[in-house]
Amino acid sequence: MKVPYVDNEPREGELSSPSEDDDVRRMVRGGVHAWQPRRGPDFSDLLLRIGAGPSPWVLYTAASAALVVILLVAFLVGSYLQIGALAPQPVPANIH
């Protein structure tokens, strides 16, 4: 991970006071030097965030009910509008 370099030299055109710059630089340096990379992903934090949601049974039941409603409404609308295979098919009548 790359971290921006913080130097002690003032730059041309800066208007902030030196004491504020020094405080900010010290704070950034302290944070950068104190940071230690962890090994691997943080699964414990991820599991805590996932565990805060609804239980899988509630989620799957709600998703299944929503899917049934969507399919039923699509079937009824398709039948009403006579689209697709739900439309009445023409019957060839060669009877004289």
PDB file of N, CA and C in Angstrom:
ATOM      1  N   MET A   1       0.847  -1.175   0.000  1.00  0.00           N
ATOM      2  CA  MET A   1       0.000   0.000   0.000  1.00  0.00           C
ATOM      3  C   MET A   1       0.891   1.236   0.000  1.00  0.00           C
ATOM      4  N   LYS A   2       0.626   2.178  -0.867  1.00  0.00           N
ATOM      5  CA  LYS A   2       1.423   3.393  -0.944  1.00  0.00           C
ATOM      6  C   LYS A   2       0.817   4.452  -0.035  1.00  0.00           C
ATOM      7  N   VAL A   3       1.685   5.198   0.620  1.00  0.00           N
ATOM      8  CA  VAL A   3       1.264   6.260   1.533  1.00  0.00           C
ATOM      9  C   VAL A   3       1.908   7.553   1.059  1.00  0.00           C
ATOM     10  N   PRO A   4       1.156   8.649   1.029  1.00  0.00           N
ATOM     11  CA  PRO A   4       1.767   9.907   0.593  1.00  0.00           C
ATOM     12  C   PRO A   4       2.921  10.303   1.513  1.00  0.00           C
ATOM     13  N   TYR A   5       3.957  10.851   0.893  1.00  0.00           N
ATOM     14  CA  TYR A   5       5.133  11.261   1.646  1.00  0.00           C
ATOM     15  C   TYR A   5       4.864  12.591   2.339  1.00  0.00           C
ATOM     16  N   VAL A   6       5.230  12.669   3.609  1.00  0.00           N
ATOM     17  CA  VAL A   6       5.070  13.903   4.374  1.00  0.00           C
ATOM     18  C   VAL A   6       6.469  14.405   4.706  1.00  0.00           C
ATOM     19  N   ASP A   7       6.786  15.586   4.213  1.00  0.00           N
ATOM     20  CA  ASP A   7       8.125  16.118   4.457  1.00  0.00           C
ATOM     21  C   ASP A   7       8.073  17.282   5.435  1.00  0.00           C
ATOM     22  N   ASN A   8       9.261  17.690   5.893  1.00  0.00           N
ATOM     23  CA  ASN A   8       9.373  18.794   6.849  1.00  0.00           C
ATOM     24  C   ASN A   8       9.628  20.133   6.178  1.00  0.00           C
ATOM     25  N   GLU A   9       9.902  20.119   4.895  1.00  0.00           N
ATOM     26  CA  GLU A   9      10.247  21.349   4.196  1.00  0.00           C
ATOM     27  C   GLU A   9       8.990  22.110   3.790  1.00  0.00           C
ATOM     28  N   PRO A  10       8.946  23.428   4.049  1.00  0.00           N
ATOM     29  CA  PRO A  10       7.784  24.205   3.597  1.00  0.00           C
ATOM     30  C   PRO A  10       7.805  24.356   2.071  1.00  0.00           C
ATOM     31  N   ARG A  11       6.649  24.421   1.495  1.00  0.00           N
ATOM     32  CA  ARG A  11       6.544  24.566   0.051  1.00  0.00           C
ATOM     33  C   ARG A  11       6.146  25.983  -0.284  1.00  0.00           C
ATOM     34  N   GLU A  12       6.471  26.380  -1.488  1.00  0.00           N
ATOM     35  CA  GLU A  12       6.135  27.732  -1.921  1.00  0.00           C
ATOM     36  C   GLU A  12       4.629  27.873  -2.104  1.00  0.00           C
ATOM     37  N   GLY A  13       4.076  29.004  -1.652  1.00  0.00           N
ATOM     38  CA  GLY A  13       2.671  29.290  -1.852  1.00  0.00           C
ATOM     39  C   GLY A  13       1.753  28.734  -0.787  1.00  0.00           C
ATOM     40  N   GLU A  14       2.277  28.056   0.244  1.00  0.00           N
ATOM     41  CA  GLU A  14       1.421  27.541   1.304  1.00  0.00           C
ATOM     42  C   GLU A  14       1.078  28.657   2.265  1.00  0.00           C
ATOM     43  N   LEU A  15      -0.209  28.752   2.641  1.00  0.00           N
ATOM     44  CA  LEU A  15      -0.652  29.832   3.500  1.00  0.00           C
ATOM     45  C   LEU A  15      -0.964  29.374   4.919  1.00  0.00           C
ATOM     46  N   SER A  16      -0.939  28.070   5.188  1.00  0.00           N
ATOM     47  CA  SER A  16      -1.295  27.605   6.529  1.00  0.00           C
ATOM     48  C   SER A  16      -0.157  27.878   7.499  1.00  0.00           C
ATOM     49  N   SER A  17      -0.495  27.949   8.763  1.00  0.00           N
ATOM     50  CA  SER A  17       0.511  28.275   9.773  1.00  0.00           C
ATOM     51  C   SER A  17       1.413  27.074  10.024  1.00  0.00           C
ATOM     52  N   PRO A  18       2.673  27.314  10.406  1.00  0.00           N
ATOM     53  CA  PRO A  18       3.613  26.207  10.633  1.00  0.00           C
ATOM     54  C   PRO A  18       3.178  25.279  11.757  1.00  0.00           C
ATOM     55  N   SER A  19       2.546  25.818  12.789  1.00  0.00           N
ATOM     56  CA  SER A  19       2.166  24.954  13.908  1.00  0.00           C
ATOM     57  C   SER A  19       1.092  23.952  13.477  1.00  0.00           C
ATOM     58  N   GLU A  20       0.147  24.377  12.644  1.00  0.00           N
ATOM     59  CA  GLU A  20      -0.880  23.459  12.149  1.00  0.00           C
ATOM     60  C   GLU A  20      -0.249  22.406  11.252  1.00  0.00           C
ATOM     61  N   ASP A  21       0.664  22.837  10.393  1.00  0.00           N
ATOM     62  CA  ASP A  21       1.342  21.888   9.511  1.00  0.00           C
ATOM     63  C   ASP A  21       2.113  20.863  10.316  1.00  0.00           C
ATOM     64  N   ASP A  22       2.813  21.296  11.346  1.00  0.00           N
ATOM     65  CA  ASP A  22       3.581  20.370  12.171  1.00  0.00           C
ATOM     66  C   ASP A  22       2.672  19.376  12.884  1.00  0.00           C
ATOM     67  N   ASP A  23       1.548  19.863  13.387  1.00  0.00           N
ATOM     68  CA  ASP A  23       0.612  18.965  14.069  1.00  0.00           C
ATOM     69  C   ASP A  23       0.050  17.922  13.108  1.00  0.00           C
ATOM     70  N   VAL A  24      -0.322  18.383  11.942  1.00  0.00           N
ATOM     71  CA  VAL A  24      -0.869  17.453  10.945  1.00  0.00           C
ATOM     72  C   VAL A  24       0.197  16.457  10.526  1.00  0.00           C
ATOM     73  N   ARG A  25       1.399  16.927  10.290  1.00  0.00           N
ATOM     74  CA  ARG A  25       2.482  16.022   9.881  1.00  0.00           C
ATOM     75  C   ARG A  25       2.781  14.998  10.959  1.00  0.00           C
ATOM     76  N   ARG A  26       2.804  15.423  12.213  1.00  0.00           N
ATOM     77  CA  ARG A  26       3.048  14.496  13.316  1.00  0.00           C
ATOM     78  C   ARG A  26       1.933  13.452  13.393  1.00  0.00           C
ATOM     79  N   MET A  27       0.699  13.899  13.221  1.00  0.00           N
ATOM     80  CA  MET A  27      -0.435  12.989  13.298  1.00  0.00           C
ATOM     81  C   MET A  27      -0.386  11.966  12.155  1.00  0.00           C
ATOM     82  N   VAL A  28      -0.070  12.432  10.946  1.00  0.00           N
ATOM     83  CA  VAL A  28       0.002  11.522   9.806  1.00  0.00           C
ATOM     84  C   VAL A  28       1.161  10.554   9.981  1.00  0.00           C
ATOM     85  N   ARG A  29       2.314  11.046  10.379  1.00  0.00           N
ATOM     86  CA  ARG A  29       3.471  10.175  10.599  1.00  0.00           C
ATOM     87  C   ARG A  29       3.181   9.141  11.674  1.00  0.00           C
ATOM     88  N   GLY A  30       2.543   9.580  12.756  1.00  0.00           N
ATOM     89  CA  GLY A  30       2.215   8.636  13.827  1.00  0.00           C
ATOM     90  C   GLY A  30       1.281   7.541  13.341  1.00  0.00           C
ATOM     91  N   GLY A  31       0.287   7.926  12.547  1.00  0.00           N
ATOM     92  CA  GLY A  31      -0.638   6.927  12.010  1.00  0.00           C
ATOM     93  C   GLY A  31       0.032   5.985  11.036  1.00  0.00           C
ATOM     94  N   VAL A  32       0.922   6.521  10.197  1.00  0.00           N
ATOM     95  CA  VAL A  32       1.607   5.695   9.208  1.00  0.00           C
ATOM     96  C   VAL A  32       2.568   4.734   9.885  1.00  0.00           C
ATOM     97  N   HIS A  33       3.297   5.204  10.863  1.00  0.00           N
ATOM     98  CA  HIS A  33       4.282   4.345  11.532  1.00  0.00           C
ATOM     99  C   HIS A  33       3.612   3.328  12.444  1.00  0.00           C
ATOM    100  N   ALA A  34       2.459   3.640  12.987  1.00  0.00           N
ATOM    101  CA  ALA A  34       1.781   2.720  13.891  1.00  0.00           C
ATOM    102  C   ALA A  34       0.999   1.647  13.138  1.00  0.00           C
ATOM    103  N   TRP A  35       0.717   1.880  11.857  1.00  0.00           N
ATOM    104  CA  TRP A  35      -0.086   0.922  11.101  1.00  0.00           C
ATOM    105  C   TRP A  35       0.695  -0.345  10.830  1.00  0.00           C
ATOM    106  N   GLN A  36       0.074  -1.461  11.111  1.00  0.00           N
ATOM    107  CA  GLN A  36       0.668  -2.760  10.817  1.00  0.00           C
ATOM    108  C   GLN A  36      -0.311  -3.537   9.949  1.00  0.00           C
ATOM    109  N   PRO A  37       0.139  -4.060   8.822  1.00  0.00           N
ATOM    110  CA  PRO A  37      -0.778  -4.830   7.977  1.00  0.00           C
ATOM    111  C   PRO A  37      -1.182  -6.126   8.663  1.00  0.00           C
ATOM    112  N   ARG A  38      -2.440  -6.502   8.481  1.00  0.00           N
ATOM    113  CA  ARG A  38      -2.909  -7.772   9.024  1.00  0.00           C
ATOM    114  C   ARG A  38      -2.706  -8.847   7.980  1.00  0.00           C
ATOM    115  N   ARG A  39      -2.633 -10.039   8.452  1.00  0.00           N
ATOM    116  CA  ARG A  39      -2.447 -11.155   7.528  1.00  0.00           C
ATOM    117  C   ARG A  39      -3.815 -11.691   7.128  1.00  0.00           C
ATOM    118  N   GLY A  40      -4.145 -11.610   5.855  1.00  0.00           N
ATOM    119  CA  GLY A  40      -5.386 -12.151   5.341  1.00  0.00           C
ATOM    120  C   GLY A  40      -6.577 -11.243   5.581  1.00  0.00           C
ATOM    121  N   PRO A  41      -7.740 -11.658   5.091  1.00  0.00           N
ATOM    122  CA  PRO A  41      -8.949 -10.845   5.243  1.00  0.00           C
ATOM    123  C   PRO A  41      -9.459 -10.881   6.679  1.00  0.00           C
ATOM    124  N   ASP A  42     -10.241  -9.912   7.029  1.00  0.00           N
ATOM    125  CA  ASP A  42     -10.778  -9.797   8.383  1.00  0.00           C
ATOM    126  C   ASP A  42     -12.130 -10.506   8.441  1.00  0.00           C
ATOM    127  N   PHE A  43     -12.096 -11.837   8.562  1.00  0.00           N
ATOM    128  CA  PHE A  43     -13.329 -12.609   8.538  1.00  0.00           C
ATOM    129  C   PHE A  43     -14.178 -12.396   9.778  1.00  0.00           C
ATOM    130  N   SER A  44     -13.565 -12.144  10.916  1.00  0.00           N
ATOM    131  CA  SER A  44     -14.364 -11.967  12.130  1.00  0.00           C
ATOM    132  C   SER A  44     -15.261 -10.735  12.008  1.00  0.00           C
ATOM    133  N   ASP A  45     -14.730  -9.647  11.467  1.00  0.00           N
ATOM    134  CA  ASP A  45     -15.543  -8.442  11.273  1.00  0.00           C
ATOM    135  C   ASP A  45     -16.624  -8.691  10.232  1.00  0.00           C
ATOM    136  N   LEU A  46     -16.290  -9.414   9.180  1.00  0.00           N
ATOM    137  CA  LEU A  46     -17.261  -9.721   8.133  1.00  0.00           C
ATOM    138  C   LEU A  46     -18.395 -10.579   8.680  1.00  0.00           C
ATOM    139  N   LEU A  47     -18.073 -11.580   9.478  1.00  0.00           N
ATOM    140  CA  LEU A  47     -19.101 -12.442  10.044  1.00  0.00           C
ATOM    141  C   LEU A  47     -19.999 -11.690  11.019  1.00  0.00           C
ATOM    142  N   LEU A  48     -19.436 -10.742  11.736  1.00  0.00           N
ATOM    143  CA  LEU A  48     -20.264  -9.939  12.631  1.00  0.00           C
ATOM    144  C   LEU A  48     -21.250  -9.090  11.850  1.00  0.00           C
ATOM    145  N   ARG A  49     -20.802  -8.510  10.734  1.00  0.00           N
ATOM    146  CA  ARG A  49     -21.697  -7.692   9.912  1.00  0.00           C
ATOM    147  C   ARG A  49     -22.762  -8.545   9.238  1.00  0.00           C
ATOM    148  N   ILE A  50     -22.415  -9.732   8.800  1.00  0.00           N
ATOM    149  CA  ILE A  50     -23.393 -10.616   8.164  1.00  0.00           C
ATOM    150  C   ILE A  50     -24.392 -11.118   9.198  1.00  0.00           C
ATOM    151  N   GLY A  51     -23.927 -11.425  10.381  1.00  0.00           N
ATOM    152  CA  GLY A  51     -24.788 -11.936  11.434  1.00  0.00           C
ATOM    153  C   GLY A  51     -25.825 -10.941  11.902  1.00  0.00           C
ATOM    154  N   ALA A  52     -25.646  -9.671  11.600  1.00  0.00           N
ATOM    155  CA  ALA A  52     -26.590  -8.659  12.046  1.00  0.00           C
ATOM    156  C   ALA A  52     -27.866  -8.663  11.217  1.00  0.00           C
ATOM    157  N   GLY A  53     -27.863  -9.292  10.056  1.00  0.00           N
ATOM    158  CA  GLY A  53     -29.023  -9.304   9.176  1.00  0.00           C
ATOM    159  C   GLY A  53     -30.028 -10.377   9.574  1.00  0.00           C
ATOM    160  N   PRO A  54     -31.055 -10.579   8.744  1.00  0.00           N
ATOM    161  CA  PRO A  54     -32.061 -11.596   9.054  1.00  0.00           C
ATOM    162  C   PRO A  54     -31.485 -13.002   8.910  1.00  0.00           C
ATOM    163  N   SER A  55     -32.144 -13.966   9.541  1.00  0.00           N
ATOM    164  CA  SER A  55     -31.668 -15.344   9.460  1.00  0.00           C
ATOM    165  C   SER A  55     -31.862 -15.862   8.034  1.00  0.00           C
ATOM    166  N   PRO A  56     -31.079 -16.829   7.624  1.00  0.00           N
ATOM    167  CA  PRO A  56     -31.201 -17.348   6.258  1.00  0.00           C
ATOM    168  C   PRO A  56     -32.594 -17.895   5.948  1.00  0.00           C
ATOM    169  N   TRP A  57     -33.257 -18.515   6.923  1.00  0.00           N
ATOM    170  CA  TRP A  57     -34.591 -19.066   6.664  1.00  0.00           C
ATOM    171  C   TRP A  57     -35.585 -17.972   6.331  1.00  0.00           C
ATOM    172  N   VAL A  58     -35.520 -16.868   7.049  1.00  0.00           N
ATOM    173  CA  VAL A  58     -36.424 -15.749   6.767  1.00  0.00           C
ATOM    174  C   VAL A  58     -36.126 -15.179   5.391  1.00  0.00           C
ATOM    175  N   LEU A  59     -34.865 -15.023   5.073  1.00  0.00           N
ATOM    176  CA  LEU A  59     -34.457 -14.475   3.782  1.00  0.00           C
ATOM    177  C   LEU A  59     -34.894 -15.380   2.630  1.00  0.00           C
ATOM    178  N   TYR A  60     -34.649 -16.695   2.752  1.00  0.00           N
ATOM    179  CA  TYR A  60     -35.019 -17.624   1.686  1.00  0.00           C
ATOM    180  C   TYR A  60     -36.535 -17.733   1.534  1.00  0.00           C
ATOM    181  N   THR A  61     -37.259 -17.713   2.644  1.00  0.00           N
ATOM    182  CA  THR A  61     -38.717 -17.787   2.579  1.00  0.00           C
ATOM    183  C   THR A  61     -39.287 -16.554   1.889  1.00  0.00           C
ATOM    184  N   ALA A  62     -38.793 -15.380   2.253  1.00  0.00           N
ATOM    185  CA  ALA A  62     -39.272 -14.141   1.627  1.00  0.00           C
ATOM    186  C   ALA A  62     -38.917 -14.106   0.143  1.00  0.00           C
ATOM    187  N   ALA A  63     -37.719 -14.544  -0.208  1.00  0.00           N
ATOM    188  CA  ALA A  63     -37.309 -14.556  -1.616  1.00  0.00           C
ATOM    189  C   ALA A  63     -38.148 -15.550  -2.418  1.00  0.00           C
ATOM    190  N   SER A  64     -38.443 -16.705  -1.843  1.00  0.00           N
ATOM    191  CA  SER A  64     -39.269 -17.696  -2.537  1.00  0.00           C
ATOM    192  C   SER A  64     -40.686 -17.182  -2.741  1.00  0.00           C
ATOM    193  N   ALA A  65     -41.246 -16.542  -1.719  1.00  0.00           N
ATOM    194  CA  ALA A  65     -42.600 -15.992  -1.843  1.00  0.00           C
ATOM    195  C   ALA A  65     -42.633 -14.894  -2.902  1.00  0.00           C
ATOM    196  N   ALA A  66     -41.626 -14.052  -2.925  1.00  0.00           N
ATOM    197  CA  ALA A  66     -41.575 -12.990  -3.930  1.00  0.00           C
ATOM    198  C   ALA A  66     -41.468 -13.581  -5.335  1.00  0.00           C
ATOM    199  N   LEU A  67     -40.688 -14.640  -5.490  1.00  0.00           N
ATOM    200  CA  LEU A  67     -40.547 -15.272  -6.797  1.00  0.00           C
ATOM    201  C   LEU A  67     -41.869 -15.885  -7.258  1.00  0.00           C
ATOM    202  N   VAL A  68     -42.588 -16.534  -6.359  1.00  0.00           N
ATOM    203  CA  VAL A  68     -43.887 -17.120  -6.709  1.00  0.00           C
ATOM    204  C   VAL A  68     -44.858 -16.034  -7.130  1.00  0.00           C
ATOM    205  N   VAL A  69     -44.889 -14.924  -6.396  1.00  0.00           N
ATOM    206  CA  VAL A  69     -45.790 -13.819  -6.742  1.00  0.00           C
ATOM    207  C   VAL A  69     -45.424 -13.244  -8.108  1.00  0.00           C
ATOM    208  N   ILE A  70     -44.149 -13.046  -8.366  1.00  0.00           N
ATOM    209  CA  ILE A  70     -43.706 -12.490  -9.651  1.00  0.00           C
ATOM    210  C   ILE A  70     -44.101 -13.417 -10.797  1.00  0.00           C
ATOM    211  N   LEU A  71     -43.879 -14.718 -10.647  1.00  0.00           N
ATOM    212  CA  LEU A  71     -44.228 -15.665 -11.704  1.00  0.00           C
ATOM    213  C   LEU A  71     -45.740 -15.735 -11.925  1.00  0.00           C
ATOM    214  N   LEU A  72     -46.514 -15.718 -10.856  1.00  0.00           N
ATOM    215  CA  LEU A  72     -47.968 -15.761 -10.974  1.00  0.00           C
ATOM    216  C   LEU A  72     -48.502 -14.518 -11.679  1.00  0.00           C
ATOM    217  N   VAL A  73     -48.000 -13.348 -11.294  1.00  0.00           N
ATOM    218  CA  VAL A  73     -48.427 -12.100 -11.934  1.00  0.00           C
ATOM    219  C   VAL A  73     -48.014 -12.099 -13.410  1.00  0.00           C
ATOM    220  N   ALA A  74     -46.821 -12.563 -13.722  1.00  0.00           N
ATOM    221  CA  ALA A  74     -46.370 -12.612 -15.114  1.00  0.00           C
ATOM    222  C   ALA A  74     -47.255 -13.552 -15.934  1.00  0.00           C
ATOM    223  N   PHE A  75     -47.644 -14.691 -15.358  1.00  0.00           N
ATOM    224  CA  PHE A  75     -48.524 -15.624 -16.063  1.00  0.00           C
ATOM    225  C   PHE A  75     -49.888 -14.993 -16.313  1.00  0.00           C
ATOM    226  N   LEU A  76     -50.449 -14.346 -15.296  1.00  0.00           N
ATOM    227  CA  LEU A  76     -51.770 -13.735 -15.453  1.00  0.00           C
ATOM    228  C   LEU A  76     -51.750 -12.582 -16.457  1.00  0.00           C
ATOM    229  N   VAL A  77     -50.725 -11.745 -16.401  1.00  0.00           N
ATOM    230  CA  VAL A  77     -50.623 -10.630 -17.346  1.00  0.00           C
ATOM    231  C   VAL A  77     -50.414 -11.160 -18.758  1.00  0.00           C
ATOM    232  N   GLY A  78     -49.578 -12.169 -18.930  1.00  0.00           N
ATOM    233  CA  GLY A  78     -49.358 -12.762 -20.245  1.00  0.00           C
ATOM    234  C   GLY A  78     -50.609 -13.406 -20.798  1.00  0.00           C
ATOM    235  N   SER A  79     -51.391 -14.046 -19.936  1.00  0.00           N
ATOM    236  CA  SER A  79     -52.652 -14.649 -20.390  1.00  0.00           C
ATOM    237  C   SER A  79     -53.647 -13.573 -20.801  1.00  0.00           C
ATOM    238  N   TYR A  80     -53.737 -12.518 -20.006  1.00  0.00           N
ATOM    239  CA  TYR A  80     -54.686 -11.445 -20.301  1.00  0.00           C
ATOM    240  C   TYR A  80     -54.338 -10.738 -21.609  1.00  0.00           C
ATOM    241  N   LEU A  81     -53.047 -10.484 -21.826  1.00  0.00           N
ATOM    242  CA  LEU A  81     -52.610  -9.786 -23.035  1.00  0.00           C
ATOM    243  C   LEU A  81     -52.440 -10.719 -24.227  1.00  0.00           C
ATOM    244  N   GLN A  82     -52.608 -12.010 -24.001  1.00  0.00           N
ATOM    245  CA  GLN A  82     -52.479 -13.035 -25.036  1.00  0.00           C
ATOM    246  C   GLN A  82     -51.149 -12.926 -25.778  1.00  0.00           C
ATOM    247  N   ILE A  83     -50.079 -12.957 -25.009  1.00  0.00           N
ATOM    248  CA  ILE A  83     -48.743 -12.899 -25.608  1.00  0.00           C
ATOM    249  C   ILE A  83     -48.024 -14.221 -25.391  1.00  0.00           C
ATOM    250  N   GLY A  84     -47.131 -14.516 -26.273  1.00  0.00           N
ATOM    251  CA  GLY A  84     -46.315 -15.716 -26.142  1.00  0.00           C
ATOM    252  C   GLY A  84     -47.099 -16.980 -26.367  1.00  0.00           C
ATOM    253  N   ALA A  85     -46.690 -18.049 -25.729  1.00  0.00           N
ATOM    254  CA  ALA A  85     -47.339 -19.343 -25.892  1.00  0.00           C
ATOM    255  C   ALA A  85     -48.689 -19.384 -25.178  1.00  0.00           C
ATOM    256  N   LEU A  86     -48.985 -18.366 -24.375  1.00  0.00           N
ATOM    257  CA  LEU A  86     -50.256 -18.327 -23.659  1.00  0.00           C
ATOM    258  C   LEU A  86     -51.387 -17.834 -24.542  1.00  0.00           C
ATOM    259  N   ALA A  87     -51.071 -17.292 -25.694  1.00  0.00           N
ATOM    260  CA  ALA A  87     -52.095 -16.765 -26.602  1.00  0.00           C
ATOM    261  C   ALA A  87     -52.828 -17.931 -27.262  1.00  0.00           C
ATOM    262  N   PRO A  88     -54.103 -17.716 -27.612  1.00  0.00           N
ATOM    263  CA  PRO A  88     -54.830 -18.788 -28.324  1.00  0.00           C
ATOM    264  C   PRO A  88     -54.167 -19.058 -29.674  1.00  0.00           C
ATOM    265  N   GLN A  89     -53.986 -20.314 -29.944  1.00  0.00           N
ATOM    266  CA  GLN A  89     -53.302 -20.707 -31.179  1.00  0.00           C
ATOM    267  C   GLN A  89     -54.326 -20.843 -32.309  1.00  0.00           C
ATOM    268  N   PRO A  90     -53.980 -20.411 -33.511  1.00  0.00           N
ATOM    269  CA  PRO A  90     -54.908 -20.579 -34.631  1.00  0.00           C
ATOM    270  C   PRO A  90     -55.050 -22.065 -34.979  1.00  0.00           C
ATOM    271  N   VAL A  91     -56.249 -22.454 -35.212  1.00  0.00           N
ATOM    272  CA  VAL A  91     -56.519 -23.845 -35.562  1.00  0.00           C
ATOM    273  C   VAL A  91     -56.775 -23.896 -37.057  1.00  0.00           C
ATOM    274  N   PRO A  92     -55.965 -24.651 -37.780  1.00  0.00           N
ATOM    275  CA  PRO A  92     -56.207 -24.745 -39.221  1.00  0.00           C
ATOM    276  C   PRO A  92     -57.504 -25.529 -39.481  1.00  0.00           C
ATOM    277  N   ALA A  93     -58.440 -24.875 -40.090  1.00  0.00           N
ATOM    278  CA  ALA A  93     -59.737 -25.508 -40.365  1.00  0.00           C
ATOM    279  C   ALA A  93     -59.893 -25.681 -41.870  1.00  0.00           C
ATOM    280  N   ASN A  94     -59.805 -26.904 -42.327  1.00  0.00           N
ATOM    281  CA  ASN A  94     -59.976 -27.214 -43.742  1.00  0.00           C
ATOM    282  C   ASN A  94     -61.287 -27.962 -43.978  1.00  0.00           C
ATOM    283  N   ILE A  95     -62.219 -27.717 -43.104  1.00  0.00           N
ATOM    284  CA  ILE A  95     -63.509 -28.415 -43.224  1.00  0.00           C
ATOM    285  C   ILE A  95     -64.436 -27.614 -44.131  1.00  0.00           C
ATOM    286  N   HIS A  96     -65.011 -28.257 -45.145  1.00  0.00           N
ATOM    287  CA  HIS A  96     -65.945 -27.591 -46.071  1.00  0.00           C
ATOM    288  C   HIS A  96     -67.275 -28.224 -46.016  1.00  0.00           C
TER     289      HIS A  96
END
